[in-house]
Structures are given as structure tokens and as C-alpha cells.
Amino acid sequence: MLQTKREYNRDCTGKNNNNYGNRYAKKFYCEDCDKEKSRIGLRCGSCAKIGEKNPSYNEFCSIYYCIEENCDNIVGKVNKKCQSCSKKGELNPNWIDGRNNFLYPHEFNDKLKYEIRNRDNFECQLCELTEEEHVLMYSCVLHIHHIDYDKQNCEKSNLITLCNHCNCRVNFNRKYWEEKLKKQVIDKCYKL
């Protein structure tokens, strides 16, 4: 008679299991105290505890702090700085001569941004996400991106509408994106 999977599993538990009471069944032992344990982990429950109850605990264990001023983050024994302090300033992969410290000029205002979004039909020029969808996803309108990455250059031919995701994406491999976006804006301006 054929058994269902549930009946088969029920019949193979406990004493009905072929390995029940078998002295040759695989056993697992704690790495520290050699007590028999479950097969998960290297240590038994009592040896895996943190602090003084852990057999590998050392009273001279030290806590290491980040070496930056005004930073109290705990770091590993090898690291001298925490992750956030190690990527500040020139060490940040997006660092370009400190240009991010400059403010946008006065002509880069809401009116100009609206004109650029209107010119681009209120959609991202890379992924074609509409402004309505962008507001639902990110709770803000589409972004205006400076193609040559110069915040002071606010000519309409240097500005393009991008969604939040694409705006982040074009900040890497800048030469490629600058050429591609310039060509796209030029083609769009000739069509108008």
C-alpha cells in the first residue's frame, strides 16, 4: 500500500526511525568541552555564552575606539577608524576637489527646475519614470542633474531631468555619463 508523504514522515520518527538508538549514528561534540551537542554550531549552549562564562574569555580583552576626534564608535582590534570616519573627505570614492562644498547659484531655482522638467515631459530621461510615479516612490519631484557636474553652469543645455535612482547612478563613471547625457539633450533640443 502506498503511503502519503505525511504518513511516511510520521512513521519514520522516534523509535520507527532506522537510526533510533543506533550507536553508529553521527554524533556532534562541543569544540571546547567535548560534551555531546546538537549539530548546529561549533560549541554547546553553555560554552557559546559571551563574557566570563565563555572559556575563551580573557580578562585583558580591550575595547578599541575610533581614533578620530569626537567619535566614540567601537572598532575592531585591527581597525583604527570606524567605517564612517574612514570614508570622509578625500578618502570618499566620490571626492572631487571638494566641489560638493559649493552652493548652487541663485539662478538654479524652482522656476528653472520646473522649466527643465516640463521640457523633458516630466519623466526621467534614462528610465522614463514619470513624475507622478516618482512622487509615490520617493515623496519628491524628479531631480535636475548638471550634465557637466558643475553646479555653477545652469544653462538649459547642461540640465536634464532624472529620477532619484538614475541621479545616483550617473555619479559613477562620470565621463561616460557626461558624453551620453550631452548627446541626449542635444538630440532633444534639435527635435524641439
N, C-alpha and C. Protein backbone atom coordinates (compact mmCIF):
# COMPACT_ATOMS: atom_id res chain seq x y z
N MET A 1 0.84 -1.18 0.00
CA MET A 1 0.00 0.00 0.00
C MET A 1 0.89 1.25 0.00
N LEU A 2 0.55 2.19 -0.86
CA LEU A 2 1.32 3.41 -0.96
C LEU A 2 0.99 4.35 0.20
N GLN A 3 2.03 5.00 0.72
CA GLN A 3 1.83 5.95 1.81
C GLN A 3 1.99 7.37 1.29
N THR A 4 1.28 8.28 1.91
CA THR A 4 1.50 9.69 1.57
C THR A 4 2.78 10.14 2.26
N LYS A 5 3.27 11.30 1.84
CA LYS A 5 4.50 11.81 2.43
C LYS A 5 4.35 12.06 3.92
N ARG A 6 3.18 12.58 4.31
CA ARG A 6 2.92 12.87 5.72
C ARG A 6 2.93 11.58 6.54
N GLU A 7 2.27 10.53 6.03
CA GLU A 7 2.24 9.26 6.75
C GLU A 7 3.64 8.65 6.84
N TYR A 8 4.42 8.77 5.76
CA TYR A 8 5.77 8.22 5.76
C TYR A 8 6.63 8.94 6.80
N ASN A 9 6.55 10.29 6.84
CA ASN A 9 7.34 11.06 7.81
C ASN A 9 6.92 10.72 9.24
N ARG A 10 5.62 10.53 9.48
CA ARG A 10 5.14 10.20 10.81
C ARG A 10 5.63 8.82 11.22
N ASP A 11 5.69 7.89 10.29
CA ASP A 11 6.12 6.53 10.60
C ASP A 11 7.62 6.43 10.81
N CYS A 12 8.41 7.41 10.37
CA CYS A 12 9.87 7.34 10.48
C CYS A 12 10.41 8.20 11.61
N THR A 13 9.57 8.59 12.55
CA THR A 13 10.05 9.39 13.67
C THR A 13 10.17 8.52 14.90
N GLY A 14 11.02 8.97 15.84
CA GLY A 14 11.19 8.26 17.11
C GLY A 14 11.74 6.87 16.93
N LYS A 15 11.08 5.90 17.57
CA LYS A 15 11.56 4.52 17.53
C LYS A 15 11.41 3.88 16.16
N ASN A 16 10.56 4.42 15.32
CA ASN A 16 10.38 3.89 13.97
C ASN A 16 11.51 4.30 13.03
N ASN A 17 12.32 5.27 13.44
CA ASN A 17 13.42 5.72 12.61
C ASN A 17 14.51 4.65 12.60
N ASN A 18 15.10 4.42 11.44
CA ASN A 18 16.12 3.38 11.32
C ASN A 18 17.35 3.67 12.18
N ASN A 19 17.66 4.96 12.43
CA ASN A 19 18.85 5.30 13.20
C ASN A 19 18.56 5.46 14.69
N TYR A 20 17.32 5.18 15.13
CA TYR A 20 16.97 5.35 16.53
C TYR A 20 17.76 4.36 17.37
N GLY A 21 18.51 4.88 18.35
CA GLY A 21 19.28 4.02 19.23
C GLY A 21 20.49 3.41 18.57
N ASN A 22 20.80 3.80 17.36
CA ASN A 22 21.93 3.24 16.64
C ASN A 22 23.21 3.89 17.18
N ARG A 23 24.12 3.10 17.69
CA ARG A 23 25.34 3.68 18.25
C ARG A 23 26.28 4.17 17.16
N TYR A 24 26.01 3.83 15.92
CA TYR A 24 26.85 4.29 14.84
C TYR A 24 26.32 5.58 14.18
N ALA A 25 25.16 6.09 14.65
CA ALA A 25 24.63 7.34 14.10
C ALA A 25 25.61 8.47 14.42
N LYS A 26 25.74 9.44 13.52
CA LYS A 26 26.71 10.51 13.68
C LYS A 26 26.36 11.37 14.88
N LYS A 27 27.35 11.65 15.72
CA LYS A 27 27.16 12.48 16.90
C LYS A 27 28.06 13.71 16.76
N PHE A 28 27.65 14.78 17.40
CA PHE A 28 28.39 16.04 17.33
C PHE A 28 28.82 16.43 18.74
N TYR A 29 30.05 16.98 18.85
CA TYR A 29 30.60 17.31 20.15
C TYR A 29 31.06 18.77 20.18
N CYS A 30 30.99 19.36 21.37
CA CYS A 30 31.40 20.76 21.58
C CYS A 30 32.90 20.87 21.36
N GLU A 31 33.31 21.96 20.73
CA GLU A 31 34.72 22.19 20.43
C GLU A 31 35.53 22.47 21.69
N ASP A 32 34.90 23.01 22.74
CA ASP A 32 35.62 23.39 23.96
C ASP A 32 35.57 22.33 25.05
N CYS A 33 34.37 21.80 25.34
CA CYS A 33 34.25 20.90 26.49
C CYS A 33 33.98 19.44 26.10
N ASP A 34 33.87 19.13 24.84
CA ASP A 34 33.65 17.79 24.33
C ASP A 34 32.35 17.13 24.78
N LYS A 35 31.35 17.93 25.21
CA LYS A 35 30.03 17.38 25.52
C LYS A 35 29.28 17.16 24.22
N GLU A 36 28.38 16.18 24.22
CA GLU A 36 27.56 15.95 23.03
C GLU A 36 26.59 17.11 22.88
N LYS A 37 26.39 17.56 21.65
CA LYS A 37 25.54 18.73 21.40
C LYS A 37 24.73 18.51 20.13
N SER A 38 23.87 19.48 19.84
CA SER A 38 23.12 19.40 18.58
C SER A 38 24.08 19.68 17.44
N ARG A 39 23.66 19.45 16.24
CA ARG A 39 24.59 19.58 15.13
C ARG A 39 24.80 21.02 14.68
N ILE A 40 24.05 21.98 15.22
CA ILE A 40 24.19 23.38 14.83
C ILE A 40 25.28 24.03 15.66
N GLY A 41 26.20 24.72 15.02
CA GLY A 41 27.25 25.47 15.73
C GLY A 41 28.42 24.60 16.12
N LEU A 42 29.48 25.28 16.58
CA LEU A 42 30.69 24.58 16.98
C LEU A 42 30.72 24.26 18.47
N ARG A 43 29.96 25.05 19.28
CA ARG A 43 30.01 24.90 20.73
C ARG A 43 28.63 24.59 21.28
N CYS A 44 28.60 24.01 22.48
CA CYS A 44 27.33 23.77 23.15
C CYS A 44 26.80 25.08 23.70
N GLY A 45 25.59 25.08 24.21
CA GLY A 45 24.96 26.32 24.68
C GLY A 45 25.73 27.01 25.78
N SER A 46 26.28 26.26 26.76
CA SER A 46 26.97 26.90 27.87
C SER A 46 28.33 27.46 27.45
N CYS A 47 29.00 26.82 26.50
CA CYS A 47 30.31 27.32 26.06
C CYS A 47 30.19 28.50 25.09
N ALA A 48 29.04 28.63 24.47
CA ALA A 48 28.87 29.69 23.49
C ALA A 48 28.49 31.02 24.13
N LYS A 49 28.35 31.07 25.44
CA LYS A 49 27.95 32.29 26.12
C LYS A 49 29.04 33.34 26.02
N ILE A 50 28.61 34.57 26.10
CA ILE A 50 29.53 35.70 25.98
C ILE A 50 30.03 36.11 27.37
N GLY A 51 31.24 36.60 27.43
CA GLY A 51 31.77 37.15 28.68
C GLY A 51 32.52 36.13 29.49
N GLU A 52 32.43 36.27 30.82
CA GLU A 52 33.22 35.45 31.73
C GLU A 52 32.86 33.97 31.68
N LYS A 53 31.64 33.62 31.27
CA LYS A 53 31.24 32.22 31.20
C LYS A 53 31.80 31.54 29.96
N ASN A 54 32.33 32.31 29.04
CA ASN A 54 32.93 31.75 27.84
C ASN A 54 34.35 31.29 28.19
N PRO A 55 34.72 30.03 27.91
CA PRO A 55 36.05 29.53 28.28
C PRO A 55 37.19 30.27 27.59
N SER A 56 36.92 30.88 26.45
CA SER A 56 37.99 31.61 25.77
C SER A 56 38.02 33.09 26.15
N TYR A 57 37.27 33.44 27.23
CA TYR A 57 37.23 34.84 27.68
C TYR A 57 38.58 35.21 28.28
N ASN A 58 39.05 36.40 27.99
CA ASN A 58 40.32 36.89 28.52
C ASN A 58 40.05 38.17 29.28
N GLU A 59 40.50 38.26 30.54
CA GLU A 59 40.24 39.45 31.33
C GLU A 59 40.90 40.68 30.75
N PHE A 60 41.92 40.49 29.96
CA PHE A 60 42.66 41.64 29.43
C PHE A 60 42.12 42.08 28.06
N CYS A 61 40.95 41.56 27.69
CA CYS A 61 40.35 41.99 26.42
C CYS A 61 40.10 43.49 26.48
N SER A 62 40.42 44.18 25.43
CA SER A 62 40.25 45.62 25.39
C SER A 62 39.17 46.00 24.41
N ILE A 63 38.60 47.18 24.63
CA ILE A 63 37.66 47.75 23.70
C ILE A 63 38.40 48.84 22.96
N TYR A 64 38.35 48.81 21.62
CA TYR A 64 39.07 49.78 20.82
C TYR A 64 38.10 50.80 20.25
N TYR A 65 38.49 52.07 20.34
CA TYR A 65 37.65 53.16 19.84
C TYR A 65 38.28 53.80 18.62
N CYS A 66 37.45 54.44 17.81
CA CYS A 66 37.90 55.16 16.62
C CYS A 66 38.87 56.27 17.06
N ILE A 67 39.95 56.51 16.28
CA ILE A 67 40.95 57.49 16.66
C ILE A 67 40.58 58.92 16.26
N GLU A 68 39.48 59.09 15.50
CA GLU A 68 39.05 60.43 15.10
C GLU A 68 38.51 61.19 16.31
N GLU A 69 38.69 62.52 16.30
CA GLU A 69 38.17 63.34 17.38
C GLU A 69 36.64 63.32 17.34
N ASN A 70 36.02 63.41 18.51
CA ASN A 70 34.57 63.45 18.67
C ASN A 70 33.86 62.23 18.08
N CYS A 71 34.53 61.11 18.01
CA CYS A 71 33.90 59.88 17.53
C CYS A 71 34.10 58.81 18.60
N ASP A 72 33.00 58.26 19.10
CA ASP A 72 33.07 57.25 20.16
C ASP A 72 32.67 55.87 19.66
N ASN A 73 32.75 55.63 18.35
CA ASN A 73 32.39 54.33 17.81
C ASN A 73 33.43 53.29 18.16
N ILE A 74 32.98 52.08 18.46
CA ILE A 74 33.87 50.97 18.77
C ILE A 74 34.32 50.33 17.47
N VAL A 75 35.61 50.03 17.36
CA VAL A 75 36.16 49.41 16.16
C VAL A 75 36.83 48.10 16.54
N GLY A 76 37.18 47.31 15.54
CA GLY A 76 37.87 46.05 15.78
C GLY A 76 39.31 46.27 16.22
N LYS A 77 39.98 45.20 16.58
CA LYS A 77 41.35 45.28 17.07
C LYS A 77 42.30 45.81 16.00
N VAL A 78 42.06 45.48 14.75
CA VAL A 78 42.95 45.86 13.66
C VAL A 78 42.64 47.27 13.15
N ASN A 79 41.37 47.63 13.09
CA ASN A 79 40.97 48.92 12.54
C ASN A 79 41.30 50.05 13.50
N LYS A 80 41.67 51.20 12.94
CA LYS A 80 41.93 52.36 13.77
C LYS A 80 40.79 53.36 13.69
N LYS A 81 40.05 53.33 12.56
CA LYS A 81 38.93 54.24 12.36
C LYS A 81 37.67 53.43 12.09
N CYS A 82 36.53 54.00 12.50
CA CYS A 82 35.26 53.34 12.18
C CYS A 82 34.96 53.53 10.70
N GLN A 83 33.94 52.85 10.22
CA GLN A 83 33.64 52.87 8.78
C GLN A 83 33.27 54.26 8.30
N SER A 84 32.48 55.00 9.08
CA SER A 84 32.06 56.33 8.63
C SER A 84 33.24 57.30 8.62
N CYS A 85 34.15 57.22 9.58
CA CYS A 85 35.30 58.12 9.62
C CYS A 85 36.34 57.78 8.56
N SER A 86 36.38 56.53 8.14
CA SER A 86 37.39 56.13 7.15
C SER A 86 37.01 56.55 5.74
N LYS A 87 35.78 57.05 5.54
CA LYS A 87 35.34 57.45 4.20
C LYS A 87 35.01 58.94 4.15
N LYS A 88 35.68 59.75 4.95
CA LYS A 88 35.43 61.19 4.96
C LYS A 88 36.41 61.90 4.04
N GLY A 89 35.94 62.98 3.45
CA GLY A 89 36.82 63.85 2.67
C GLY A 89 37.44 63.15 1.48
N GLU A 90 38.74 63.26 1.36
CA GLU A 90 39.47 62.74 0.20
C GLU A 90 39.41 61.22 0.12
N LEU A 91 39.11 60.54 1.21
CA LEU A 91 39.03 59.08 1.20
C LEU A 91 37.71 58.56 0.62
N ASN A 92 36.73 59.45 0.46
CA ASN A 92 35.44 59.06 -0.11
C ASN A 92 35.60 58.82 -1.61
N PRO A 93 35.03 57.74 -2.15
CA PRO A 93 35.19 57.46 -3.58
C PRO A 93 34.58 58.52 -4.49
N ASN A 94 33.63 59.33 -3.99
CA ASN A 94 33.02 60.38 -4.80
C ASN A 94 33.72 61.73 -4.67
N TRP A 95 34.84 61.78 -3.98
CA TRP A 95 35.54 63.03 -3.73
C TRP A 95 36.12 63.60 -5.02
N ILE A 96 35.81 64.87 -5.32
CA ILE A 96 36.40 65.55 -6.47
C ILE A 96 36.75 66.97 -6.04
N ASP A 97 37.96 67.21 -5.64
CA ASP A 97 38.48 68.54 -5.31
C ASP A 97 37.60 69.33 -4.35
N GLY A 98 36.78 68.72 -3.55
CA GLY A 98 35.94 69.43 -2.60
C GLY A 98 34.82 70.22 -3.25
N ARG A 99 34.45 69.91 -4.48
CA ARG A 99 33.42 70.66 -5.20
C ARG A 99 32.06 70.59 -4.51
N ASN A 100 31.79 69.55 -3.76
CA ASN A 100 30.48 69.41 -3.14
C ASN A 100 30.22 70.47 -2.09
N ASN A 101 31.26 71.18 -1.66
CA ASN A 101 31.08 72.21 -0.65
C ASN A 101 30.48 73.50 -1.23
N PHE A 102 30.50 73.67 -2.56
CA PHE A 102 29.96 74.89 -3.17
C PHE A 102 28.44 74.83 -3.19
N LEU A 103 27.83 75.98 -2.95
CA LEU A 103 26.37 76.07 -3.01
C LEU A 103 25.93 76.30 -4.45
N TYR A 104 24.68 76.00 -4.71
CA TYR A 104 24.13 76.24 -6.03
C TYR A 104 23.93 77.74 -6.23
N PRO A 105 24.06 78.25 -7.45
CA PRO A 105 23.86 79.68 -7.70
C PRO A 105 22.37 80.05 -7.62
N HIS A 106 22.09 81.34 -7.56
CA HIS A 106 20.71 81.82 -7.41
C HIS A 106 19.84 81.48 -8.62
N GLU A 107 20.45 81.42 -9.81
CA GLU A 107 19.63 81.14 -10.99
C GLU A 107 19.14 79.69 -11.05
N PHE A 108 19.70 78.82 -10.23
CA PHE A 108 19.23 77.43 -10.16
C PHE A 108 18.10 77.38 -9.14
N ASN A 109 16.92 77.86 -9.54
CA ASN A 109 15.79 77.98 -8.63
C ASN A 109 14.64 77.08 -9.09
N ASP A 110 13.53 77.15 -8.37
CA ASP A 110 12.39 76.28 -8.67
C ASP A 110 11.80 76.55 -10.05
N LYS A 111 11.83 77.80 -10.49
CA LYS A 111 11.29 78.14 -11.81
C LYS A 111 12.09 77.44 -12.91
N LEU A 112 13.42 77.52 -12.84
CA LEU A 112 14.28 76.87 -13.83
C LEU A 112 14.09 75.35 -13.78
N LYS A 113 14.02 74.79 -12.59
CA LYS A 113 13.83 73.34 -12.46
C LYS A 113 12.51 72.90 -13.09
N TYR A 114 11.46 73.69 -12.87
CA TYR A 114 10.16 73.37 -13.47
C TYR A 114 10.24 73.42 -14.99
N GLU A 115 10.94 74.41 -15.54
CA GLU A 115 11.09 74.52 -17.00
C GLU A 115 11.80 73.30 -17.57
N ILE A 116 12.83 72.85 -16.90
CA ILE A 116 13.59 71.68 -17.38
C ILE A 116 12.71 70.42 -17.29
N ARG A 117 11.99 70.25 -16.19
CA ARG A 117 11.12 69.08 -16.07
C ARG A 117 10.01 69.13 -17.13
N ASN A 118 9.50 70.31 -17.39
CA ASN A 118 8.47 70.49 -18.42
C ASN A 118 9.04 70.16 -19.80
N ARG A 119 10.25 70.64 -20.09
CA ARG A 119 10.91 70.34 -21.38
C ARG A 119 11.06 68.83 -21.57
N ASP A 120 11.35 68.14 -20.47
CA ASP A 120 11.57 66.68 -20.53
C ASP A 120 10.28 65.89 -20.28
N ASN A 121 9.12 66.55 -20.41
CA ASN A 121 7.81 65.90 -20.27
C ASN A 121 7.60 65.25 -18.90
N PHE A 122 8.20 65.79 -17.88
CA PHE A 122 8.04 65.32 -16.50
C PHE A 122 8.31 63.83 -16.37
N GLU A 123 9.39 63.37 -17.01
CA GLU A 123 9.80 61.98 -16.85
C GLU A 123 11.32 61.89 -16.89
N CYS A 124 11.84 60.87 -16.22
CA CYS A 124 13.28 60.62 -16.18
C CYS A 124 13.75 60.31 -17.59
N GLN A 125 14.85 60.91 -17.97
CA GLN A 125 15.34 60.75 -19.34
C GLN A 125 16.13 59.46 -19.55
N LEU A 126 16.38 58.71 -18.50
CA LEU A 126 17.06 57.42 -18.65
C LEU A 126 16.09 56.25 -18.52
N CYS A 127 15.28 56.24 -17.48
CA CYS A 127 14.40 55.09 -17.26
C CYS A 127 12.93 55.39 -17.56
N GLU A 128 12.62 56.63 -17.91
CA GLU A 128 11.28 57.06 -18.30
C GLU A 128 10.25 56.93 -17.17
N LEU A 129 10.68 57.04 -15.93
CA LEU A 129 9.79 57.06 -14.78
C LEU A 129 9.09 58.43 -14.75
N THR A 130 7.78 58.44 -14.62
CA THR A 130 7.05 59.71 -14.63
C THR A 130 7.15 60.39 -13.27
N GLU A 131 6.84 61.69 -13.26
CA GLU A 131 6.93 62.43 -12.00
C GLU A 131 5.90 61.94 -10.99
N GLU A 132 4.72 61.54 -11.45
CA GLU A 132 3.70 61.02 -10.55
C GLU A 132 4.18 59.74 -9.85
N GLU A 133 4.79 58.85 -10.61
CA GLU A 133 5.33 57.61 -10.03
C GLU A 133 6.48 57.92 -9.08
N HIS A 134 7.30 58.91 -9.45
CA HIS A 134 8.44 59.29 -8.62
C HIS A 134 7.98 59.84 -7.27
N VAL A 135 6.92 60.66 -7.29
CA VAL A 135 6.39 61.21 -6.05
C VAL A 135 5.86 60.09 -5.16
N LEU A 136 5.21 59.09 -5.74
CA LEU A 136 4.72 57.96 -4.96
C LEU A 136 5.86 57.14 -4.36
N MET A 137 6.94 56.95 -5.13
CA MET A 137 8.06 56.13 -4.67
C MET A 137 8.97 56.85 -3.69
N TYR A 138 9.31 58.11 -4.00
CA TYR A 138 10.34 58.83 -3.24
C TYR A 138 9.82 60.05 -2.48
N SER A 139 8.55 60.37 -2.61
CA SER A 139 7.92 61.51 -1.95
C SER A 139 8.56 62.85 -2.32
N CYS A 140 9.04 62.95 -3.54
CA CYS A 140 9.58 64.22 -4.04
C CYS A 140 9.49 64.22 -5.56
N VAL A 141 9.61 65.41 -6.14
CA VAL A 141 9.55 65.53 -7.59
C VAL A 141 10.87 65.03 -8.20
N LEU A 142 10.91 64.92 -9.52
CA LEU A 142 12.11 64.47 -10.21
C LEU A 142 13.27 65.45 -9.99
N HIS A 143 14.48 64.95 -10.08
CA HIS A 143 15.68 65.76 -9.85
C HIS A 143 16.17 66.37 -11.15
N ILE A 144 16.85 67.52 -11.04
CA ILE A 144 17.50 68.15 -12.18
C ILE A 144 19.00 67.93 -12.01
N HIS A 145 19.62 67.32 -13.00
CA HIS A 145 21.03 66.93 -12.93
C HIS A 145 21.87 67.86 -13.81
N HIS A 146 23.04 68.28 -13.30
CA HIS A 146 24.00 69.05 -14.10
C HIS A 146 24.86 68.06 -14.88
N ILE A 147 24.77 68.11 -16.18
CA ILE A 147 25.45 67.12 -17.02
C ILE A 147 26.96 67.18 -16.87
N ASP A 148 27.53 68.39 -16.81
CA ASP A 148 28.99 68.51 -16.69
C ASP A 148 29.46 68.50 -15.23
N TYR A 149 28.56 68.22 -14.30
CA TYR A 149 28.84 68.12 -12.86
C TYR A 149 29.35 69.44 -12.27
N ASP A 150 29.12 70.54 -12.95
CA ASP A 150 29.49 71.86 -12.44
C ASP A 150 28.22 72.56 -11.98
N LYS A 151 28.06 72.75 -10.68
CA LYS A 151 26.86 73.35 -10.13
C LYS A 151 26.65 74.78 -10.59
N GLN A 152 27.72 75.47 -10.96
CA GLN A 152 27.62 76.87 -11.38
C GLN A 152 27.09 77.02 -12.81
N ASN A 153 27.20 75.97 -13.61
CA ASN A 153 26.76 76.02 -15.01
C ASN A 153 25.27 75.64 -15.08
N CYS A 154 24.41 76.65 -15.14
CA CYS A 154 22.96 76.41 -15.13
C CYS A 154 22.31 76.69 -16.47
N GLU A 155 23.03 76.49 -17.56
CA GLU A 155 22.43 76.63 -18.89
C GLU A 155 21.47 75.47 -19.11
N LYS A 156 20.41 75.75 -19.85
CA LYS A 156 19.40 74.71 -20.06
C LYS A 156 19.96 73.51 -20.82
N SER A 157 20.97 73.72 -21.64
CA SER A 157 21.57 72.60 -22.36
C SER A 157 22.45 71.73 -21.46
N ASN A 158 22.71 72.20 -20.23
CA ASN A 158 23.53 71.44 -19.29
C ASN A 158 22.68 70.75 -18.22
N LEU A 159 21.37 70.90 -18.30
CA LEU A 159 20.49 70.34 -17.28
C LEU A 159 19.59 69.27 -17.89
N ILE A 160 19.32 68.24 -17.11
CA ILE A 160 18.47 67.15 -17.57
C ILE A 160 17.68 66.60 -16.38
N THR A 161 16.50 66.07 -16.65
CA THR A 161 15.62 65.52 -15.61
C THR A 161 15.94 64.05 -15.39
N LEU A 162 16.17 63.70 -14.13
CA LEU A 162 16.46 62.31 -13.76
C LEU A 162 15.71 61.94 -12.50
N CYS A 163 15.41 60.66 -12.35
CA CYS A 163 14.80 60.17 -11.11
C CYS A 163 15.90 60.02 -10.05
N ASN A 164 15.50 59.75 -8.84
CA ASN A 164 16.44 59.61 -7.73
C ASN A 164 17.46 58.50 -8.01
N HIS A 165 16.99 57.36 -8.46
CA HIS A 165 17.87 56.22 -8.72
C HIS A 165 18.90 56.54 -9.82
N CYS A 166 18.42 57.09 -10.94
CA CYS A 166 19.31 57.40 -12.06
C CYS A 166 20.28 58.52 -11.71
N ASN A 167 19.82 59.48 -10.92
CA ASN A 167 20.69 60.58 -10.50
C ASN A 167 21.86 60.05 -9.67
N CYS A 168 21.62 59.06 -8.84
CA CYS A 168 22.70 58.44 -8.07
C CYS A 168 23.61 57.63 -9.00
N ARG A 169 23.01 56.95 -9.95
CA ARG A 169 23.76 56.08 -10.86
C ARG A 169 24.74 56.86 -11.73
N VAL A 170 24.36 58.07 -12.17
CA VAL A 170 25.22 58.83 -13.08
C VAL A 170 26.39 59.49 -12.35
N ASN A 171 26.46 59.39 -11.04
CA ASN A 171 27.59 59.97 -10.31
C ASN A 171 28.80 59.05 -10.30
N PHE A 172 28.70 57.88 -10.88
CA PHE A 172 29.84 56.99 -11.06
C PHE A 172 30.12 56.89 -12.56
N ASN A 173 31.36 56.70 -12.92
CA ASN A 173 31.77 56.64 -14.32
C ASN A 173 31.31 57.92 -15.04
N ARG A 174 31.72 59.05 -14.50
CA ARG A 174 31.21 60.36 -14.92
C ARG A 174 31.49 60.70 -16.37
N LYS A 175 32.65 60.34 -16.89
CA LYS A 175 32.97 60.67 -18.29
C LYS A 175 31.96 60.03 -19.24
N TYR A 176 31.65 58.78 -19.01
CA TYR A 176 30.69 58.07 -19.86
C TYR A 176 29.33 58.76 -19.83
N TRP A 177 28.83 59.05 -18.62
CA TRP A 177 27.51 59.63 -18.48
C TRP A 177 27.47 61.06 -19.03
N GLU A 178 28.55 61.81 -18.86
CA GLU A 178 28.58 63.18 -19.37
C GLU A 178 28.41 63.19 -20.89
N GLU A 179 29.15 62.32 -21.57
CA GLU A 179 29.03 62.24 -23.03
C GLU A 179 27.64 61.77 -23.46
N LYS A 180 27.13 60.74 -22.80
CA LYS A 180 25.83 60.18 -23.18
C LYS A 180 24.71 61.20 -22.95
N LEU A 181 24.71 61.87 -21.81
CA LEU A 181 23.64 62.82 -21.50
C LEU A 181 23.72 64.08 -22.35
N LYS A 182 24.93 64.54 -22.68
CA LYS A 182 25.07 65.70 -23.56
C LYS A 182 24.45 65.40 -24.92
N LYS A 183 24.77 64.23 -25.45
CA LYS A 183 24.22 63.83 -26.75
C LYS A 183 22.70 63.74 -26.69
N GLN A 184 22.17 63.22 -25.60
CA GLN A 184 20.73 63.05 -25.46
C GLN A 184 20.03 64.42 -25.41
N VAL A 185 20.60 65.39 -24.69
CA VAL A 185 20.00 66.72 -24.60
C VAL A 185 20.09 67.45 -25.94
N ILE A 186 21.21 67.31 -26.62
CA ILE A 186 21.37 67.95 -27.93
C ILE A 186 20.35 67.39 -28.91
N ASP A 187 20.17 66.08 -28.93
CA ASP A 187 19.17 65.46 -29.82
C ASP A 187 17.77 65.96 -29.48
N LYS A 188 17.48 66.10 -28.21
CA LYS A 188 16.15 66.56 -27.77
C LYS A 188 15.92 68.02 -28.19
N CYS A 189 16.95 68.87 -28.07
CA CYS A 189 16.82 70.29 -28.41
C CYS A 189 16.60 70.45 -29.92
N TYR A 190 17.22 69.62 -30.74
CA TYR A 190 17.02 69.72 -32.20
C TYR A 190 15.64 69.26 -32.61
N LYS A 191 15.06 68.32 -31.86
CA LYS A 191 13.71 67.85 -32.15
C LYS A 191 12.68 68.93 -31.86
N LEU A 192 12.95 69.75 -30.84
CA LEU A 192 12.01 70.82 -30.48
C LEU A 192 12.07 71.89 -31.53
